[in-house]
Amino acid sequence: MVQAVTCASSIPMRNARGGTVLAFTLLFTTMSSAGLAYILPASAILESVGERRKALGFDALVLRGRFLNPKTNVTEKTVWKLVKPGEGVRTEIKGPHTTQISLLKNKKSYKFSPGVPPQKGVPLKADLELDFLASTKGDPGGKRGRAFLSAHKIDRKVVSLSRMNKRIIWVIGALEGDLESPQLWIDKALRVPVRLIYGDETSGDKLDIQWLGFGSPQTREWHPRQVDTYRNDELVERLVFHKVMINPSVDAALLTTPKIK
């Protein structure tokens, strides 16, 4: 990681005429593999993330992919996903005999199967997909992003730099070597979230969600190529996407709030 330390000290020196002048040391920067880079405050980083997503200007995304067994890395199911800004996110994971559906809408999470109505929606204080993937309205001042950090107990006053798969990353909420504190990682060039670490309020487990492969030929900047979810440092879910369709025709009923059982 990189840490910048500013020092305003003065050193007396002799000039050519024998007089004394002051030479000021202005800035010393200690660097590691991340290289020299300016660290922005969290609000500015989050605002730039919102602006980058807004610039993409899409109405809907449909993705196709695979669900891999986290222990064997073998494909077991197919994945179909719809992301519609302002409306929600629907993910269908289809196996040989069953289909699991997840719907994120209006700050609630619904899980159900075809023909089986869901239980009452689970309220969400903030959600990585709703607040970042499915938002194209920008984020002036990083207001929405700050609310996301607060909901996950991430300290926005702490910002550092690291690397992830050779890319420079802003880390909000943690310093070098700290993978226990709640934190959000942002790709410095692409301005997208790539990692979220936080504590699950219900179970107390440590959750680590990694969005990998942004900018890949398969999904480009629209969506991560791979989504890995770790619980207490153990991989529990891996989704790999191989195709993205921009602004396809979709049935609006797919994002309708389901009738509760």
Protein backbone atom coordinates (compact mmCIF):
# COMPACT_ATOMS: atom_id res chain seq x y z
CA MET A 1 0.00 0.00 0.00
CA VAL A 2 0.96 3.65 -0.20
CA GLN A 3 0.98 6.15 2.62
CA ALA A 4 1.71 9.83 2.07
CA VAL A 5 3.36 11.84 4.84
CA THR A 6 3.63 15.61 4.55
CA CYS A 7 6.46 17.32 6.41
CA ALA A 8 6.85 21.11 6.72
CA SER A 9 10.36 21.34 8.16
CA SER A 10 13.08 23.86 7.24
CA ILE A 11 16.81 23.32 6.84
CA PRO A 12 19.31 26.24 7.00
CA MET A 13 21.70 26.34 4.02
CA ARG A 14 24.44 28.71 2.82
CA ASN A 15 23.93 30.50 -0.46
CA ALA A 16 26.68 31.58 -2.90
CA ARG A 17 27.16 34.94 -1.10
CA GLY A 18 27.57 33.37 2.29
CA GLY A 19 24.08 34.24 3.47
CA THR A 20 21.65 31.78 5.01
CA VAL A 21 18.55 30.57 3.21
CA LEU A 22 15.91 28.06 4.21
CA ALA A 23 15.24 24.95 2.19
CA PHE A 24 11.81 23.45 2.88
CA THR A 25 11.06 19.77 2.67
CA LEU A 26 7.57 19.53 1.28
CA LEU A 27 6.48 15.96 0.76
CA PHE A 28 7.85 12.53 1.44
CA THR A 29 5.99 9.50 0.19
CA THR A 30 6.64 5.95 1.22
CA MET A 31 5.71 3.44 -1.44
CA SER A 32 5.18 -0.26 -1.88
CA SER A 33 4.05 -2.18 -4.95
CA ALA A 34 1.02 0.06 -5.52
CA GLY A 35 3.31 2.86 -6.67
CA LEU A 36 3.01 6.60 -6.28
CA ALA A 37 -0.60 7.76 -6.37
CA TYR A 38 -2.73 10.46 -4.80
CA ILE A 39 -5.26 9.22 -2.24
CA LEU A 40 -8.64 10.93 -2.57
CA PRO A 41 -11.10 11.26 0.33
CA ALA A 42 -13.83 8.63 0.42
CA SER A 43 -16.59 11.03 -0.63
CA ALA A 44 -14.72 12.02 -3.79
CA ILE A 45 -14.00 8.39 -4.65
CA LEU A 46 -17.65 7.41 -4.21
CA GLU A 47 -18.87 10.36 -6.25
CA SER A 48 -16.54 9.36 -9.09
CA VAL A 49 -17.93 5.80 -8.93
CA GLY A 50 -21.46 7.16 -9.36
CA GLU A 51 -20.44 9.39 -12.25
CA ARG A 52 -18.68 6.53 -14.05
CA ARG A 53 -21.79 4.33 -13.78
CA LYS A 54 -24.01 7.20 -14.91
CA ALA A 55 -21.84 7.72 -18.00
CA LEU A 56 -22.56 4.16 -19.17
CA GLY A 57 -26.18 5.23 -19.66
CA PHE A 58 -27.87 1.82 -19.92
CA ASP A 59 -31.52 0.94 -19.36
CA ALA A 60 -31.12 -2.78 -18.69
CA LEU A 61 -28.52 -5.55 -18.63
CA VAL A 62 -29.13 -9.27 -19.09
CA LEU A 63 -26.29 -11.65 -18.21
CA ARG A 64 -25.77 -15.34 -18.66
CA GLY A 65 -23.32 -17.40 -16.69
CA ARG A 66 -22.53 -20.48 -14.62
CA PHE A 67 -22.76 -21.49 -10.97
CA LEU A 68 -19.63 -23.42 -9.98
CA ASN A 69 -19.27 -25.83 -7.09
CA PRO A 70 -17.02 -23.90 -4.67
CA LYS A 71 -15.12 -27.05 -3.69
CA THR A 72 -14.56 -28.62 -7.11
CA ASN A 73 -14.87 -25.53 -9.37
CA VAL A 74 -17.09 -27.62 -11.67
CA THR A 75 -20.18 -26.08 -13.30
CA GLU A 76 -23.36 -27.32 -11.63
CA LYS A 77 -26.02 -24.80 -12.64
CA THR A 78 -26.73 -21.98 -15.08
CA VAL A 79 -27.26 -18.34 -14.13
CA TRP A 80 -29.52 -15.74 -15.73
CA LYS A 81 -29.50 -12.20 -14.38
CA LEU A 82 -31.41 -8.99 -15.06
CA VAL A 83 -30.14 -5.60 -13.85
CA LYS A 84 -32.49 -2.66 -14.41
CA PRO A 85 -31.59 0.73 -12.88
CA GLY A 86 -34.29 2.09 -10.61
CA GLU A 87 -36.24 -1.17 -10.78
CA GLY A 88 -34.16 -3.94 -9.25
CA VAL A 89 -31.99 -7.00 -9.82
CA ARG A 90 -33.30 -10.50 -10.53
CA THR A 91 -31.02 -13.56 -10.48
CA GLU A 92 -32.14 -17.06 -11.49
CA ILE A 93 -29.91 -20.03 -10.69
CA LYS A 94 -31.18 -23.09 -12.54
CA GLY A 95 -30.20 -26.65 -11.65
CA PRO A 96 -31.33 -29.98 -13.13
CA HIS A 97 -34.45 -30.07 -10.98
CA THR A 98 -34.91 -26.70 -9.27
CA THR A 99 -34.63 -22.98 -9.94
CA GLN A 100 -33.71 -20.51 -7.20
CA ILE A 101 -34.78 -16.91 -7.75
CA SER A 102 -33.42 -13.87 -5.92
CA LEU A 103 -35.08 -10.49 -6.36
CA LEU A 104 -33.61 -7.27 -4.98
CA LYS A 105 -36.12 -4.44 -5.12
CA ASN A 106 -37.06 -1.39 -3.04
CA LYS A 107 -34.38 -2.14 -0.45
CA LYS A 108 -35.73 -5.64 0.15
CA SER A 109 -34.50 -9.13 -0.75
CA TYR A 110 -36.91 -11.85 -1.87
CA LYS A 111 -35.99 -15.50 -2.45
CA PHE A 112 -38.38 -18.00 -4.03
CA SER A 113 -38.86 -20.69 -6.69
CA PRO A 114 -41.32 -20.92 -9.60
CA GLY A 115 -44.77 -21.74 -8.28
CA VAL A 116 -43.69 -21.23 -4.67
CA PRO A 117 -44.45 -17.73 -3.35
CA PRO A 118 -41.76 -16.13 -1.20
CA GLN A 119 -41.81 -15.33 2.44
CA LYS A 120 -41.85 -11.70 3.52
CA GLY A 121 -39.04 -9.66 1.96
CA VAL A 122 -35.93 -9.11 4.06
CA PRO A 123 -35.18 -5.39 4.54
CA LEU A 124 -31.78 -4.19 3.27
CA LYS A 125 -30.07 -1.16 4.75
CA ALA A 126 -27.80 -1.08 1.73
CA ASP A 127 -26.90 -3.51 -1.03
CA LEU A 128 -23.83 -3.77 -3.25
CA GLU A 129 -25.84 -4.57 -6.39
CA LEU A 130 -28.69 -2.09 -5.87
CA ASP A 131 -26.46 0.77 -4.77
CA PHE A 132 -23.74 0.34 -7.40
CA LEU A 133 -24.64 -1.99 -10.29
CA ALA A 134 -28.28 -0.92 -10.61
CA SER A 135 -27.81 2.81 -10.09
CA THR A 136 -27.16 5.19 -13.00
CA LYS A 137 -28.24 8.50 -11.48
CA GLY A 138 -24.81 9.52 -10.24
CA ASP A 139 -23.93 10.16 -6.61
CA PRO A 140 -23.32 13.87 -5.92
CA GLY A 141 -20.99 14.26 -2.96
CA GLY A 142 -20.91 10.48 -2.55
CA LYS A 143 -24.07 10.67 -0.42
CA ARG A 144 -25.45 7.27 -1.42
CA GLY A 145 -22.02 5.71 -1.15
CA ARG A 146 -21.52 7.15 2.34
CA ALA A 147 -24.85 5.67 3.43
CA PHE A 148 -23.65 2.30 2.09
CA LEU A 149 -20.44 2.59 4.11
CA SER A 150 -22.37 3.50 7.24
CA ALA A 151 -24.74 0.54 6.84
CA HIS A 152 -21.74 -1.81 6.68
CA LYS A 153 -19.88 -0.03 9.51
CA ILE A 154 -17.03 1.02 7.22
CA ASP A 155 -14.93 3.93 8.49
CA ARG A 156 -14.82 6.41 5.59
CA LYS A 157 -12.10 8.44 7.30
CA VAL A 158 -9.61 5.67 6.57
CA VAL A 159 -8.50 5.42 2.92
CA SER A 160 -5.43 3.60 1.62
CA LEU A 161 -4.08 2.05 -1.57
CA SER A 162 -3.45 -1.56 -2.49
CA ARG A 163 -3.36 -3.87 -5.50
CA MET A 164 -5.76 -6.56 -6.65
CA ASN A 165 -4.80 -8.70 -9.63
CA LYS A 166 -2.12 -6.13 -10.57
CA ARG A 167 -4.63 -3.25 -10.55
CA ILE A 168 -4.38 -0.26 -8.20
CA ILE A 169 -7.21 -0.19 -5.69
CA TRP A 170 -8.56 2.39 -3.26
CA VAL A 171 -9.39 0.72 0.06
CA ILE A 172 -11.96 2.56 2.17
CA GLY A 173 -12.07 1.51 5.82
CA ALA A 174 -8.76 -0.28 6.33
CA LEU A 175 -5.00 0.11 6.26
CA GLU A 176 -2.29 -2.15 4.90
CA GLY A 177 -2.52 -5.77 5.99
CA ASP A 178 -5.92 -5.35 7.65
CA LEU A 179 -8.45 -7.77 6.17
CA GLU A 180 -10.64 -7.93 9.27
CA SER A 181 -12.06 -4.40 9.47
CA PRO A 182 -15.17 -3.66 7.36
CA GLN A 183 -13.93 -2.23 4.04
CA LEU A 184 -14.85 -1.44 0.45
CA TRP A 185 -12.33 -1.73 -2.40
CA ILE A 186 -12.66 0.47 -5.50
CA ASP A 187 -10.74 -0.04 -8.77
CA LYS A 188 -8.87 3.25 -9.25
CA ALA A 189 -8.99 3.23 -13.06
CA LEU A 190 -12.43 1.73 -13.71
CA ARG A 191 -14.13 3.35 -10.69
CA VAL A 192 -16.08 0.22 -9.73
CA PRO A 193 -16.35 -1.70 -6.44
CA VAL A 194 -14.32 -4.91 -6.52
CA ARG A 195 -14.39 -6.15 -2.93
CA LEU A 196 -16.55 -5.80 0.16
CA ILE A 197 -15.63 -7.17 3.59
CA TYR A 198 -18.07 -6.82 6.47
CA GLY A 199 -19.64 -8.63 9.41
CA ASP A 200 -23.05 -10.23 8.99
CA GLU A 201 -25.30 -8.75 11.68
CA THR A 202 -27.42 -11.90 11.99
CA SER A 203 -24.78 -14.63 12.14
CA GLY A 204 -21.71 -12.61 13.11
CA ASP A 205 -19.83 -14.25 10.23
CA LYS A 206 -17.21 -12.41 8.21
CA LEU A 207 -18.41 -11.99 4.62
CA ASP A 208 -16.02 -11.23 1.77
CA ILE A 209 -17.57 -10.54 -1.64
CA GLN A 210 -15.17 -10.16 -4.55
CA TRP A 211 -16.19 -8.76 -7.94
CA LEU A 212 -13.49 -9.94 -10.33
CA GLY A 213 -12.81 -9.35 -14.02
CA PHE A 214 -14.37 -5.94 -14.59
CA GLY A 215 -13.24 -4.83 -18.05
CA SER A 216 -12.98 -8.41 -19.38
CA PRO A 217 -13.96 -9.14 -23.02
CA GLN A 218 -17.01 -11.05 -21.77
CA THR A 219 -18.62 -8.45 -19.49
CA ARG A 220 -16.52 -5.30 -20.02
CA GLU A 221 -17.35 -2.46 -17.58
CA TRP A 222 -20.98 -3.44 -17.31
CA HIS A 223 -20.59 -6.22 -14.77
CA PRO A 224 -17.91 -8.31 -13.02
CA ARG A 225 -16.85 -11.39 -14.94
CA GLN A 226 -16.73 -13.45 -11.72
CA VAL A 227 -18.39 -13.07 -8.31
CA ASP A 228 -16.85 -14.96 -5.38
CA THR A 229 -18.42 -15.02 -1.94
CA TYR A 230 -16.44 -16.10 1.11
CA ARG A 231 -17.86 -16.77 4.57
CA ASN A 232 -15.28 -16.81 7.36
CA ASP A 233 -12.56 -17.03 4.67
CA GLU A 234 -14.12 -20.12 3.03
CA LEU A 235 -15.40 -19.90 -0.54
CA VAL A 236 -19.15 -20.65 -0.49
CA GLU A 237 -20.31 -19.39 -3.90
CA ARG A 238 -18.75 -18.71 -7.31
CA LEU A 239 -20.60 -17.27 -10.29
CA VAL A 240 -18.88 -16.83 -13.67
CA PHE A 241 -20.55 -14.78 -16.41
CA HIS A 242 -19.76 -15.27 -20.09
CA LYS A 243 -22.23 -12.98 -21.85
CA VAL A 244 -23.85 -9.58 -21.30
CA MET A 245 -26.62 -8.02 -23.39
CA ILE A 246 -27.12 -4.26 -23.20
CA ASN A 247 -30.66 -2.82 -23.32
CA PRO A 248 -32.46 -5.99 -24.48
CA SER A 249 -36.23 -6.23 -24.48
CA VAL A 250 -37.31 -7.65 -21.11
CA ASP A 251 -40.62 -8.50 -19.46
CA ALA A 252 -41.31 -5.85 -16.81
CA ALA A 253 -43.22 -8.46 -14.78
CA LEU A 254 -39.89 -10.13 -13.92
CA LEU A 255 -39.17 -7.27 -11.52
CA THR A 256 -42.65 -7.04 -10.02
CA THR A 257 -42.75 -7.42 -6.25
CA PRO A 258 -43.91 -11.00 -5.71
CA LYS A 259 -47.06 -11.82 -3.79
CA ILE A 260 -46.18 -12.86 -0.26
CA LYS A 261 -47.21 -16.29 1.01
